[in-house]
């Protein structure tokens, strides 16, 4: 079971980030190579729309407890459990009783 069990309103997208090392030479020539064995990093943008203040507070407390650097597990929309970190969180005030929360999860390969 994943550490982060909140269900987003929807997943807006998943991005694949390709890490490479590149050496450029004076004549316009460049050499590129994949950076490490996990050179493709996935990133998910999650939206929690019109959620109660209690749920928003619970999500914020969980994300804040990880300080942007502590890995936790999460189940992707494809039902794959992955280790992620969250370096970005946004909160929108919808009204006196509801909030929107946006999170960016980045795949993490550390032990």
Protein backbone atom coordinates (compact mmCIF):
# COMPACT_ATOMS: atom_id res chain seq x y z
CA UNK A 1 0.00 0.00 0.00
CA UNK A 2 1.29 3.44 -0.91
CA UNK A 3 2.19 6.12 1.65
CA UNK A 4 0.22 8.81 -0.23
CA UNK A 5 -3.36 7.55 -0.65
CA UNK A 6 -5.27 10.66 -1.70
CA UNK A 7 -7.15 10.41 -5.00
CA UNK A 8 -6.66 13.43 -7.30
CA UNK A 9 -9.51 14.96 -9.24
CA UNK A 10 -7.54 14.03 -12.33
CA UNK A 11 -3.97 13.65 -13.47
CA UNK A 12 -3.32 16.47 -15.91
CA UNK A 13 -0.25 14.86 -17.42
CA UNK A 14 2.83 12.76 -16.96
CA UNK A 15 6.10 14.07 -18.38
CA UNK A 16 9.20 12.05 -19.19
CA UNK A 17 12.43 13.91 -18.55
CA UNK A 18 15.51 12.52 -20.31
CA UNK A 19 18.71 13.12 -18.39
CA UNK A 20 21.75 13.32 -20.62
CA UNK A 21 25.37 14.36 -20.46
CA UNK A 22 26.51 16.46 -23.36
CA UNK A 23 29.90 17.65 -24.54
CA UNK A 24 29.95 20.44 -27.13
CA UNK A 25 32.94 21.14 -29.33
CA UNK A 26 34.03 24.32 -31.09
CA UNK A 27 33.07 23.17 -34.57
CA UNK A 28 29.39 22.67 -33.64
CA UNK A 29 29.81 18.96 -33.01
CA UNK A 30 28.29 17.52 -29.83
CA UNK A 31 28.37 14.15 -28.13
CA UNK A 32 25.49 13.00 -25.93
CA UNK A 33 25.00 9.99 -23.68
CA UNK A 34 22.26 8.92 -21.25
CA UNK A 35 23.06 9.98 -17.69
CA UNK A 36 23.04 6.86 -15.52
CA UNK A 37 20.95 3.71 -15.51
CA UNK A 38 17.74 5.60 -14.64
CA UNK A 39 18.05 8.31 -17.25
CA UNK A 40 14.29 8.66 -17.85
CA UNK A 41 12.52 10.36 -14.95
CA UNK A 42 8.74 10.62 -14.90
CA UNK A 43 6.95 13.60 -13.43
CA UNK A 44 3.22 13.75 -12.60
CA UNK A 45 1.13 16.90 -12.18
CA UNK A 46 -1.79 16.16 -9.85
CA UNK A 47 -4.84 18.32 -9.21
CA UNK A 48 -7.16 18.08 -6.23
CA UNK A 49 -10.08 20.40 -7.01
CA UNK A 50 -12.78 21.73 -4.69
CA UNK A 51 -11.72 19.63 -1.73
CA UNK A 52 -12.68 20.36 1.86
CA UNK A 53 -10.39 22.39 4.07
CA UNK A 54 -9.87 19.29 6.23
CA UNK A 55 -8.69 17.21 3.25
CA UNK A 56 -6.54 20.07 1.96
CA UNK A 57 -4.93 20.42 5.39
CA UNK A 58 -4.28 16.69 5.56
CA UNK A 59 -2.60 16.67 2.11
CA UNK A 60 -0.53 19.77 2.96
CA UNK A 61 0.60 18.30 6.28
CA UNK A 62 1.73 15.08 4.58
CA UNK A 63 3.62 16.92 1.80
CA UNK A 64 5.15 19.43 4.25
CA UNK A 65 6.37 16.57 6.45
CA UNK A 66 8.48 15.32 3.49
CA UNK A 67 10.26 18.72 3.15
CA UNK A 68 10.63 18.33 -0.63
CA UNK A 69 13.41 15.80 -0.15
CA UNK A 70 12.02 12.70 1.57
CA UNK A 71 10.85 9.89 -0.69
CA UNK A 72 7.40 8.34 -0.32
CA UNK A 73 5.37 5.83 -2.32
CA UNK A 74 2.37 6.60 -4.53
CA UNK A 75 0.17 4.54 -6.85
CA UNK A 76 0.10 5.95 -10.39
CA UNK A 77 -3.11 6.00 -12.46
CA UNK A 78 -1.71 2.82 -14.10
CA UNK A 79 -1.72 1.12 -10.66
CA UNK A 80 2.07 1.07 -10.48
CA UNK A 81 3.56 1.84 -7.06
CA UNK A 82 6.47 4.25 -7.47
CA UNK A 83 8.80 6.16 -5.16
CA UNK A 84 8.41 9.91 -5.60
CA UNK A 85 9.33 13.24 -4.08
CA UNK A 86 7.21 16.38 -4.17
CA UNK A 87 9.15 19.61 -4.67
CA UNK A 88 6.19 21.78 -5.65
CA UNK A 89 2.77 22.40 -4.07
CA UNK A 90 0.24 25.13 -4.85
CA UNK A 91 -2.94 25.96 -2.97
CA UNK A 92 -5.87 27.92 -4.38
CA UNK A 93 -8.57 29.33 -2.15
CA UNK A 94 -11.95 28.53 -3.74
CA UNK A 95 -14.14 29.86 -0.98
CA UNK A 96 -14.72 29.63 2.73
CA UNK A 97 -15.00 25.82 2.73
CA UNK A 98 -13.07 24.52 -0.32
CA UNK A 99 -9.55 24.58 -1.71
CA UNK A 100 -7.63 23.39 -4.77
CA UNK A 101 -4.23 21.72 -4.31
CA UNK A 102 -1.72 21.14 -7.14
CA UNK A 103 1.23 18.79 -6.62
CA UNK A 104 4.18 17.82 -8.80
CA UNK A 105 5.54 14.33 -8.11
CA UNK A 106 8.96 13.41 -9.47
CA UNK A 107 10.06 9.78 -9.69
CA UNK A 108 12.89 8.98 -7.29
CA UNK A 109 15.36 6.10 -7.68
CA UNK A 110 17.25 6.43 -4.39
CA UNK A 111 17.22 3.63 -1.87
